[in-house]
C-alpha atoms as a PDB file:
ATOM      1  CA  MET A   1     155.325 148.729  -8.397  1.00  0.00           C
ATOM      2  CA  ILE A   2     154.325 151.908  -6.661  1.00  0.00           C
ATOM      3  CA  ILE A   3     155.088 152.148  -2.946  1.00  0.00           C
ATOM      4  CA  ARG A   4     152.877 154.671  -1.107  1.00  0.00           C
ATOM      5  CA  LYS A   5     154.042 156.345   1.974  1.00  0.00           C
ATOM      6  CA  ILE A   6     151.981 155.376   5.031  1.00  0.00           C
ATOM      7  CA  PRO A   7     150.627 158.458   6.818  1.00  0.00           C
ATOM      8  CA  MET A   8     152.212 159.235  10.215  1.00  0.00           C
ATOM      9  CA  SER A   9     148.873 159.005  11.987  1.00  0.00           C
ATOM     10  CA  LEU A  10     148.403 155.434  10.790  1.00  0.00           C
ATOM     11  CA  ARG A  11     151.879 154.435  11.897  1.00  0.00           C
ATOM     12  CA  LEU A  12     151.332 155.874  15.389  1.00  0.00           C
ATOM     13  CA  PHE A  13     147.948 154.060  15.568  1.00  0.00           C
ATOM     14  CA  ALA A  14     149.662 150.769  14.626  1.00  0.00           C
ATOM     15  CA  VAL A  15     152.320 151.214  17.290  1.00  0.00           C
ATOM     16  CA  LEU A  16     149.790 152.057  19.984  1.00  0.00           C
ATOM     17  CA  ALA A  17     147.652 149.038  19.017  1.00  0.00           C
ATOM     18  CA  ALA A  18     150.627 146.708  19.150  1.00  0.00           C
ATOM     19  CA  ILE A  19     151.621 148.058  22.593  1.00  0.00           C
ATOM     20  CA  THR A  20     148.012 147.573  23.872  1.00  0.00           C
ATOM     21  CA  LEU A  21     147.870 143.981  22.578  1.00  0.00           C
ATOM     22  CA  PHE A  22     151.273 143.186  24.103  1.00  0.00           C
ATOM     23  CA  VAL A  23     150.351 144.597  27.522  1.00  0.00           C
ATOM     24  CA  ALA A  24     147.023 142.677  27.454  1.00  0.00           C
ATOM     25  CA  TRP A  25     148.902 139.451  26.498  1.00  0.00           C
ATOM     26  CA  ILE A  26     151.424 139.644  29.294  1.00  0.00           C
ATOM     27  CA  THR A  27     149.138 140.766  32.046  1.00  0.00           C
ATOM     28  CA  HIS A  28     146.129 138.566  31.255  1.00  0.00           C
ATOM     29  CA  PRO A  29     145.898 135.730  33.803  1.00  0.00           C
ATOM     30  CA  ILE A  30     146.965 132.359  32.337  1.00  0.00           C
ATOM     31  CA  CYS A  31     144.290 130.641  34.364  1.00  0.00           C
ATOM     32  CA  ALA A  32     141.337 132.063  36.213  1.00  0.00           C
ATOM     33  CA  CYS A  33     142.001 129.530  39.026  1.00  0.00           C
ATOM     34  CA  GLY A  34     144.876 129.571  41.570  1.00  0.00           C
ATOM     35  CA  PRO A  35     146.316 132.492  43.501  1.00  0.00           C
ATOM     36  CA  LYS A  36     146.149 135.967  42.023  1.00  0.00           C
ATOM     37  CA  ARG A  37     149.539 137.018  40.583  1.00  0.00           C
ATOM     38  CA  SER A  38     150.918 140.478  40.203  1.00  0.00           C
ATOM     39  CA  PRO A  39     151.618 141.922  36.718  1.00  0.00           C
ATOM     40  CA  LEU A  40     155.341 141.456  37.329  1.00  0.00           C
ATOM     41  CA  GLU A  41     154.838 137.773  38.228  1.00  0.00           C
ATOM     42  CA  ARG A  42     152.721 137.269  35.146  1.00  0.00           C
ATOM     43  CA  ILE A  43     155.437 138.810  32.954  1.00  0.00           C
ATOM     44  CA  LEU A  44     158.064 136.550  34.475  1.00  0.00           C
ATOM     45  CA  GLU A  45     155.804 133.535  34.092  1.00  0.00           C
ATOM     46  CA  ARG A  46     155.105 134.360  30.415  1.00  0.00           C
ATOM     47  CA  PHE A  47     158.815 134.413  29.680  1.00  0.00           C
ATOM     48  CA  GLY A  48     159.583 131.270  31.719  1.00  0.00           C
ATOM     49  CA  ALA A  49     161.321 133.100  34.582  1.00  0.00           C
ATOM     50  CA  ALA A  50     160.884 132.420  38.264  1.00  0.00           C
ATOM     51  CA  SER A  51     159.365 135.130  40.476  1.00  0.00           C
ATOM     52  CA  PRO A  52     161.779 137.250  42.566  1.00  0.00           C
ATOM     53  CA  VAL A  53     160.469 135.464  45.731  1.00  0.00           C
ATOM     54  CA  THR A  54     161.060 132.004  44.365  1.00  0.00           C
ATOM     55  CA  THR A  55     164.523 132.939  43.090  1.00  0.00           C
ATOM     56  CA  THR A  56     165.549 134.402  46.453  1.00  0.00           C
ATOM     57  CA  ALA A  57     164.241 131.390  48.336  1.00  0.00           C
ATOM     58  CA  ALA A  58     166.101 128.995  46.120  1.00  0.00           C
ATOM     59  CA  ALA A  59     169.381 130.986  46.527  1.00  0.00           C
ATOM     60  CA  GLN A  60     169.071 131.049  50.306  1.00  0.00           C
ATOM     61  CA  ARG A  61     169.750 127.404  51.100  1.00  0.00           C
ATOM     62  CA  LYS A  62     169.812 126.789  54.844  1.00  0.00           C
ATOM     63  CA  THR A  63     173.176 126.389  56.477  1.00  0.00           C
ATOM     64  CA  ARG A  64     173.493 122.746  57.521  1.00  0.00           C
ATOM     65  CA  LEU A  65     174.850 122.565  61.056  1.00  0.00           C
ATOM     66  CA  LEU A  66     175.671 119.552  63.282  1.00  0.00           C
ATOM     67  CA  PHE A  67     175.732 120.285  67.021  1.00  0.00           C
ATOM     68  CA  VAL A  68     177.662 117.539  68.831  1.00  0.00           C
ATOM     69  CA  THR A  69     176.963 117.407  72.560  1.00  0.00           C
ATOM     70  CA  GLN A  70     178.423 113.949  73.393  1.00  0.00           C
ATOM     71  CA  CYS A  71     180.134 113.694  76.775  1.00  0.00           C
ATOM     72  CA  LYS A  72     182.667 111.063  77.693  1.00  0.00           C
ATOM     73  CA  GLY A  73     183.808 113.089  80.611  1.00  0.00           C
ATOM     74  CA  PHE A  74     182.044 115.780  82.733  1.00  0.00           C
ATOM     75  CA  ARG A  75     178.514 116.539  81.627  1.00  0.00           C
ATOM     76  CA  HIS A  76     177.439 120.159  82.041  1.00  0.00           C
ATOM     77  CA  GLN A  77     173.976 120.780  83.465  1.00  0.00           C
ATOM     78  CA  VAL A  78     173.270 123.396  80.820  1.00  0.00           C
ATOM     79  CA  LEU A  79     173.727 120.963  77.929  1.00  0.00           C
ATOM     80  CA  HIS A  80     170.127 120.142  77.262  1.00  0.00           C
ATOM     81  CA  GLN A  81     169.198 123.825  77.407  1.00  0.00           C
ATOM     82  CA  ALA A  82     172.042 124.652  75.025  1.00  0.00           C
ATOM     83  CA  GLU A  83     170.702 122.085  72.565  1.00  0.00           C
ATOM     84  CA  GLU A  84     167.279 123.743  72.644  1.00  0.00           C
ATOM     85  CA  ILE A  85     168.740 127.189  72.284  1.00  0.00           C
ATOM     86  CA  MET A  86     170.831 126.111  69.285  1.00  0.00           C
ATOM     87  CA  GLU A  87     167.764 124.699  67.605  1.00  0.00           C
ATOM     88  CA  GLN A  88     165.886 127.969  68.327  1.00  0.00           C
ATOM     89  CA  LEU A  89     168.715 130.085  66.917  1.00  0.00           C
ATOM     90  CA  GLY A  90     168.793 127.860  63.871  1.00  0.00           C
ATOM     91  CA  ALA A  91     165.061 128.348  63.211  1.00  0.00           C
ATOM     92  CA  LYS A  92     165.415 132.091  63.457  1.00  0.00           C
ATOM     93  CA  SER A  93     168.686 132.422  61.516  1.00  0.00           C
ATOM     94  CA  GLY A  94     168.212 129.946  58.651  1.00  0.00           C
ATOM     95  CA  PHE A  95     170.341 127.126  60.072  1.00  0.00           C
ATOM     96  CA  ASP A  96     169.228 123.498  59.588  1.00  0.00           C
ATOM     97  CA  VAL A  97     170.401 122.237  62.996  1.00  0.00           C
ATOM     98  CA  THR A  98     170.906 118.541  63.856  1.00  0.00           C
ATOM     99  CA  VAL A  99     171.771 117.707  67.440  1.00  0.00           C
ATOM    100  CA  THR A 100     173.569 114.456  68.259  1.00  0.00           C
ATOM    101  CA  GLN A 101     175.096 112.800  71.316  1.00  0.00           C
ATOM    102  CA  MET A 102     176.523 110.075  69.078  1.00  0.00           C
ATOM    103  CA  ALA A 103     179.365 111.632  67.113  1.00  0.00           C
ATOM    104  CA  GLU A 104     180.476 108.321  65.728  1.00  0.00           C
ATOM    105  CA  SER A 105     177.208 107.899  63.872  1.00  0.00           C
ATOM    106  CA  LYS A 106     177.145 111.457  62.295  1.00  0.00           C
ATOM    107  CA  LEU A 107     180.876 112.226  61.661  1.00  0.00           C
ATOM    108  CA  THR A 108     181.182 109.879  58.726  1.00  0.00           C
ATOM    109  CA  PRO A 109     182.725 110.789  55.394  1.00  0.00           C
ATOM    110  CA  ALA A 110     179.317 110.505  53.737  1.00  0.00           C
ATOM    111  CA  ASN A 111     177.565 112.712  56.249  1.00  0.00           C
ATOM    112  CA  LEU A 112     180.310 115.319  56.297  1.00  0.00           C
ATOM    113  CA  LYS A 113     179.644 116.047  52.612  1.00  0.00           C
ATOM    114  CA  ASN A 114     176.257 117.382  53.643  1.00  0.00           C
ATOM    115  CA  LEU A 115     177.426 119.698  56.401  1.00  0.00           C
ATOM    116  CA  ASP A 116     178.564 123.358  56.416  1.00  0.00           C
ATOM    117  CA  VAL A 117     179.238 123.785  60.159  1.00  0.00           C
ATOM    118  CA  ILE A 118     180.099 121.485  63.067  1.00  0.00           C
ATOM    119  CA  VAL A 119     179.771 122.758  66.616  1.00  0.00           C
ATOM    120  CA  PHE A 120     181.301 120.860  69.575  1.00  0.00           C
ATOM    121  CA  TYR A 121     180.145 121.167  73.164  1.00  0.00           C
ATOM    122  CA  THR A 122     181.778 117.917  74.222  1.00  0.00           C
ATOM    123  CA  THR A 123     184.071 116.355  76.788  1.00  0.00           C
ATOM    124  CA  GLY A 124     186.397 113.383  76.807  1.00  0.00           C
ATOM    125  CA  ASP A 125     187.562 111.047  74.031  1.00  0.00           C
ATOM    126  CA  LEU A 126     184.655 110.565  71.693  1.00  0.00           C
ATOM    127  CA  PRO A 127     184.579 107.130  69.979  1.00  0.00           C
ATOM    128  CA  LEU A 128     185.685 108.192  66.498  1.00  0.00           C
ATOM    129  CA  SER A 129     187.772 105.884  64.424  1.00  0.00           C
ATOM    130  CA  ASP A 130     191.108 107.046  62.963  1.00  0.00           C
ATOM    131  CA  ALA A 131     189.458 107.303  59.579  1.00  0.00           C
ATOM    132  CA  GLN A 132     186.701 109.507  61.046  1.00  0.00           C
ATOM    133  CA  LYS A 133     189.230 111.756  62.790  1.00  0.00           C
ATOM    134  CA  ALA A 134     191.151 112.250  59.562  1.00  0.00           C
ATOM    135  CA  ALA A 135     187.955 112.893  57.606  1.00  0.00           C
ATOM    136  CA  LEU A 136     186.882 115.579  60.150  1.00  0.00           C
ATOM    137  CA  LEU A 137     190.143 117.492  59.815  1.00  0.00           C
ATOM    138  CA  ASP A 138     190.065 117.112  56.024  1.00  0.00           C
ATOM    139  CA  TRP A 139     186.460 118.443  56.056  1.00  0.00           C
ATOM    140  CA  ILE A 140     187.578 121.583  57.889  1.00  0.00           C
ATOM    141  CA  ARG A 141     190.642 122.086  55.628  1.00  0.00           C
ATOM    142  CA  SER A 142     188.391 121.846  52.560  1.00  0.00           C
ATOM    143  CA  GLY A 143     186.715 125.184  53.480  1.00  0.00           C
ATOM    144  CA  LYS A 144     184.194 124.391  56.227  1.00  0.00           C
ATOM    145  CA  PHE A 145     183.714 125.912  59.684  1.00  0.00           C
ATOM    146  CA  PHE A 146     184.255 124.332  63.080  1.00  0.00           C
ATOM    147  CA  LEU A 147     183.124 126.073  66.270  1.00  0.00           C
ATOM    148  CA  GLY A 148     184.152 124.819  69.658  1.00  0.00           C
ATOM    149  CA  ILE A 149     182.216 125.882  72.708  1.00  0.00           C
ATOM    150  CA  HIS A 150     183.446 125.864  76.328  1.00  0.00           C
ATOM    151  CA  SER A 151     184.407 122.270  77.038  1.00  0.00           C
ATOM    152  CA  ALA A 152     185.337 121.558  73.420  1.00  0.00           C
ATOM    153  CA  THR A 153     188.915 122.028  74.633  1.00  0.00           C
ATOM    154  CA  ASP A 154     188.223 119.353  77.321  1.00  0.00           C
ATOM    155  CA  THR A 155     188.021 116.816  74.519  1.00  0.00           C
ATOM    156  CA  PHE A 156     190.309 114.419  72.650  1.00  0.00           C
ATOM    157  CA  TYR A 157     193.386 114.746  74.921  1.00  0.00           C
ATOM    158  CA  LYS A 158     194.885 111.681  73.211  1.00  0.00           C
ATOM    159  CA  TRP A 159     194.523 113.228  69.765  1.00  0.00           C
ATOM    160  CA  PRO A 160     197.153 115.959  69.534  1.00  0.00           C
ATOM    161  CA  GLU A 161     196.015 116.987  66.009  1.00  0.00           C
ATOM    162  CA  TYR A 162     192.684 117.932  67.482  1.00  0.00           C
ATOM    163  CA  GLY A 163     194.343 120.098  70.133  1.00  0.00           C
ATOM    164  CA  GLU A 164     196.382 121.803  67.513  1.00  0.00           C
ATOM    165  CA  MET A 165     193.289 122.401  65.324  1.00  0.00           C
ATOM    166  CA  ILE A 166     191.191 123.934  68.080  1.00  0.00           C
ATOM    167  CA  GLY A 167     194.111 125.792  69.581  1.00  0.00           C
ATOM    168  CA  GLY A 168     194.799 124.247  72.979  1.00  0.00           C
ATOM    169  CA  TYR A 169     193.494 122.133  75.810  1.00  0.00           C
ATOM    170  CA  PHE A 170     191.611 122.854  79.022  1.00  0.00           C
ATOM    171  CA  ASN A 171     193.859 123.071  82.081  1.00  0.00           C
ATOM    172  CA  LYS A 172     191.746 123.760  85.166  1.00  0.00           C
ATOM    173  CA  HIS A 173     189.373 126.630  85.851  1.00  0.00           C
ATOM    174  CA  PRO A 174     190.746 128.873  88.629  1.00  0.00           C
ATOM    175  CA  TRP A 175     187.670 130.956  88.285  1.00  0.00           C
ATOM    176  CA  THR A 176     184.552 128.869  89.008  1.00  0.00           C
ATOM    177  CA  GLN A 177     180.992 129.497  87.853  1.00  0.00           C
ATOM    178  CA  ASP A 178     180.078 131.777  90.802  1.00  0.00           C
ATOM    179  CA  THR A 179     183.246 133.862  90.583  1.00  0.00           C
ATOM    180  CA  ASP A 180     183.148 137.473  89.346  1.00  0.00           C
ATOM    181  CA  VAL A 181     185.509 138.077  86.453  1.00  0.00           C
ATOM    182  CA  THR A 182     186.076 140.934  84.063  1.00  0.00           C
ATOM    183  CA  ILE A 183     186.100 140.263  80.292  1.00  0.00           C
ATOM    184  CA  LYS A 184     187.902 142.346  77.718  1.00  0.00           C
ATOM    185  CA  THR A 185     186.966 142.593  74.070  1.00  0.00           C
ATOM    186  CA  GLU A 186     190.205 142.790  72.069  1.00  0.00           C
ATOM    187  CA  ASP A 187     188.655 142.985  68.613  1.00  0.00           C
ATOM    188  CA  ARG A 188     185.393 144.959  68.225  1.00  0.00           C
ATOM    189  CA  THR A 189     185.411 144.755  64.402  1.00  0.00           C
ATOM    190  CA  HIS A 190     184.817 141.081  63.986  1.00  0.00           C
ATOM    191  CA  PRO A 191     181.174 140.074  63.395  1.00  0.00           C
ATOM    192  CA  ALA A 192     181.139 137.774  66.424  1.00  0.00           C
ATOM    193  CA  THR A 193     182.303 140.513  68.824  1.00  0.00           C
ATOM    194  CA  ARG A 194     181.553 143.943  67.332  1.00  0.00           C
ATOM    195  CA  HIS A 195     178.310 144.184  69.350  1.00  0.00           C
ATOM    196  CA  LEU A 196     180.221 143.726  72.651  1.00  0.00           C
ATOM    197  CA  PRO A 197     181.408 146.548  74.912  1.00  0.00           C
ATOM    198  CA  GLU A 198     185.122 147.070  75.478  1.00  0.00           C
ATOM    199  CA  GLY A 199     184.793 145.325  78.810  1.00  0.00           C
ATOM    200  CA  TRP A 200     182.264 143.953  81.225  1.00  0.00           C
ATOM    201  CA  SER A 201     181.983 141.969  84.488  1.00  0.00           C
ATOM    202  CA  MET A 202     180.094 138.727  84.856  1.00  0.00           C
ATOM    203  CA  LYS A 203     179.995 135.404  86.761  1.00  0.00           C
ATOM    204  CA  GLU A 204     181.336 132.563  84.642  1.00  0.00           C
ATOM    205  CA  GLU A 205     183.677 129.558  84.793  1.00  0.00           C
ATOM    206  CA  ILE A 206     186.872 130.637  83.114  1.00  0.00           C
ATOM    207  CA  TYR A 207     189.206 128.100  81.567  1.00  0.00           C
ATOM    208  CA  GLN A 208     192.905 128.165  81.650  1.00  0.00           C
ATOM    209  CA  ILE A 209     194.354 126.868  78.376  1.00  0.00           C
ATOM    210  CA  LYS A 210     197.534 124.798  78.000  1.00  0.00           C
ATOM    211  CA  ASP A 211     199.433 124.213  74.767  1.00  0.00           C
ATOM    212  CA  PHE A 212     197.816 127.371  73.329  1.00  0.00           C
ATOM    213  CA  ILE A 213     198.921 127.725  69.701  1.00  0.00           C
ATOM    214  CA  GLY A 214     199.778 131.356  70.348  1.00  0.00           C
ATOM    215  CA  ARG A 215     198.674 134.736  69.035  1.00  0.00           C
ATOM    216  CA  ASP A 216     200.821 134.343  65.956  1.00  0.00           C
ATOM    217  CA  LYS A 217     198.471 131.614  64.748  1.00  0.00           C
ATOM    218  CA  ALA A 218     195.218 132.489  66.587  1.00  0.00           C
ATOM    219  CA  HIS A 219     193.433 135.847  66.345  1.00  0.00           C
ATOM    220  CA  VAL A 220     192.197 136.546  69.864  1.00  0.00           C
ATOM    221  CA  LEU A 221     188.820 138.283  70.067  1.00  0.00           C
ATOM    222  CA  VAL A 222     188.068 138.149  73.755  1.00  0.00           C
ATOM    223  CA  SER A 223     190.227 137.598  76.820  1.00  0.00           C
ATOM    224  CA  LEU A 224     190.232 137.785  80.564  1.00  0.00           C
ATOM    225  CA  ASP A 225     191.058 141.294  81.801  1.00  0.00           C
ATOM    226  CA  GLN A 226     193.845 140.438  84.307  1.00  0.00           C
ATOM    227  CA  THR A 227     194.011 143.968  85.570  1.00  0.00           C
ATOM    228  CA  LYS A 228     190.483 143.765  86.915  1.00  0.00           C
ATOM    229  CA  THR A 229     190.269 140.071  87.907  1.00  0.00           C
ATOM    230  CA  ASP A 230     191.659 138.304  90.946  1.00  0.00           C
ATOM    231  CA  MET A 231     194.816 136.610  89.641  1.00  0.00           C
ATOM    232  CA  THR A 232     195.809 135.220  93.053  1.00  0.00           C
ATOM    233  CA  ARG A 233     193.297 132.334  92.942  1.00  0.00           C
ATOM    234  CA  PRO A 234     194.671 128.807  93.335  1.00  0.00           C
ATOM    235  CA  GLY A 235     195.692 127.092  90.157  1.00  0.00           C
ATOM    236  CA  VAL A 236     196.578 130.145  88.103  1.00  0.00           C
ATOM    237  CA  GLU A 237     199.519 129.156  85.971  1.00  0.00           C
ATOM    238  CA  ALA A 238     199.227 130.686  82.523  1.00  0.00           C
ATOM    239  CA  LYS A 239     200.364 134.147  81.497  1.00  0.00           C
ATOM    240  CA  ASP A 240     197.788 134.640  78.802  1.00  0.00           C
ATOM    241  CA  PHE A 241     194.013 133.950  79.102  1.00  0.00           C
ATOM    242  CA  PRO A 242     192.312 134.078  75.713  1.00  0.00           C
ATOM    243  CA  LEU A 243     188.676 133.215  75.768  1.00  0.00           C
ATOM    244  CA  VAL A 244     187.542 133.540  72.224  1.00  0.00           C
ATOM    245  CA  TRP A 245     189.757 133.172  69.173  1.00  0.00           C
ATOM    246  CA  TRP A 246     189.686 132.067  65.543  1.00  0.00           C
ATOM    247  CA  ARG A 247     192.271 130.643  63.162  1.00  0.00           C
ATOM    248  CA  ASP A 248     192.596 129.633  59.598  1.00  0.00           C
ATOM    249  CA  TYR A 249     192.758 125.878  59.020  1.00  0.00           C
ATOM    250  CA  GLY A 250     193.611 125.009  55.423  1.00  0.00           C
ATOM    251  CA  LYS A 251     190.807 126.677  53.409  1.00  0.00           C
ATOM    252  CA  GLY A 252     188.484 126.477  56.414  1.00  0.00           C
ATOM    253  CA  LYS A 253     188.135 128.324  59.684  1.00  0.00           C
ATOM    254  CA  VAL A 254     188.054 127.335  63.346  1.00  0.00           C
ATOM    255  CA  MET A 255     186.679 129.381  66.230  1.00  0.00           C
ATOM    256  CA  TYR A 256     186.644 128.608  69.919  1.00  0.00           C
ATOM    257  CA  ASN A 257     184.530 130.295  72.610  1.00  0.00           C
ATOM    258  CA  ALA A 258     185.450 129.349  76.194  1.00  0.00           C
ATOM    259  CA  MET A 259     182.343 130.898  77.642  1.00  0.00           C
ATOM    260  CA  GLY A 260     179.060 129.018  77.956  1.00  0.00           C
ATOM    261  CA  HIS A 261     179.155 127.185  81.320  1.00  0.00           C
ATOM    262  CA  ARG A 262     176.270 128.954  83.012  1.00  0.00           C
ATOM    263  CA  PRO A 263     172.627 128.933  81.804  1.00  0.00           C
ATOM    264  CA  ASP A 264     172.332 132.706  82.114  1.00  0.00           C
ATOM    265  CA  VAL A 265     175.197 133.027  79.595  1.00  0.00           C
ATOM    266  CA  TRP A 266     173.359 130.808  77.064  1.00  0.00           C
ATOM    267  CA  THR A 267     170.075 132.740  77.433  1.00  0.00           C
ATOM    268  CA  SER A 268     171.715 136.211  77.127  1.00  0.00           C
ATOM    269  CA  ASP A 269     171.285 138.100  73.879  1.00  0.00           C
ATOM    270  CA  TRP A 270     174.960 139.027  73.607  1.00  0.00           C
ATOM    271  CA  TYR A 271     176.123 135.412  73.788  1.00  0.00           C
ATOM    272  CA  GLN A 272     173.453 134.164  71.314  1.00  0.00           C
ATOM    273  CA  THR A 273     174.480 136.924  68.977  1.00  0.00           C
ATOM    274  CA  MET A 274     178.128 135.801  69.284  1.00  0.00           C
ATOM    275  CA  ILE A 275     177.135 132.293  68.307  1.00  0.00           C
ATOM    276  CA  VAL A 276     174.878 133.236  65.406  1.00  0.00           C
ATOM    277  CA  ASN A 277     177.342 135.809  63.934  1.00  0.00           C
ATOM    278  CA  ALA A 278     180.247 133.390  64.309  1.00  0.00           C
ATOM    279  CA  ILE A 279     178.352 130.829  62.205  1.00  0.00           C
ATOM    280  CA  LYS A 280     177.467 133.384  59.632  1.00  0.00           C
ATOM    281  CA  TRP A 281     181.038 134.625  59.481  1.00  0.00           C
ATOM    282  CA  GLY A 282     182.432 131.155  59.294  1.00  0.00           C
ATOM    283  CA  THR A 283     180.192 130.294  56.348  1.00  0.00           C
ATOM    284  CA  GLY A 284     180.887 133.541  54.469  1.00  0.00           C
ATOM    285  CA  GLN A 285     177.501 135.168  55.159  1.00  0.00           C
ATOM    286  CA  MET A 286     179.007 137.995  57.233  1.00  0.00           C
ATOM    287  CA  LYS A 287     182.252 139.964  56.784  1.00  0.00           C
END
């Protein structure tokens, strides 16, 4: 059998023809109906791959957050506004926010499996069973994030494991909501506080904490600046006045933010940024 060499010109023609047919095949619309797709989307569709937009959307599952605002003690006037703001922040930041004033109906082992974050703005002894209490702590230890706001330390006085988890209990507020205080940012590298100045003055109700777990267990981010605040007010007993701190809890994380009594705190950009960045940090979305 005689094998004849194919001329170079014919080989080049064959290659160019094959490329032309391939490009026409991958870029030709599959169907004339429906939305117009870009060449890249058509290529991905031909090979059974999702478009970049679809892939990104699928990967960005919303953070599932439960905001508990149940009060069995003092009820803050700002509470309803805080609920609305949390829902608004969730809509802007990709959080799927559920608000409840019935912790006992939401903090069940079955529901906990579907949550990434739990936020407490609560008071008093919430009606949780012993099994629910144990499940909540186990949920945090498993790698989840718990955020306590303001009066979350004015909660569960008869449950010492809760006080140890959050880091302490409320013990008076020598500085009431109309008192001028000076705040100090101790850590300006953390996502929740790196947007804050080194210090600033504001009106806010400032909690004094008892049974604080200490700075060896809690990383303090923000505290009361005692050098620029009236420390002679009645009721001052503590030596240290941490206002925002976080701690490891098993594989999970816990953060507490003592601020949030006044409406103008909740509506301020700096405070809302603290809340959003804390949640993103606690769920591993920010470092």
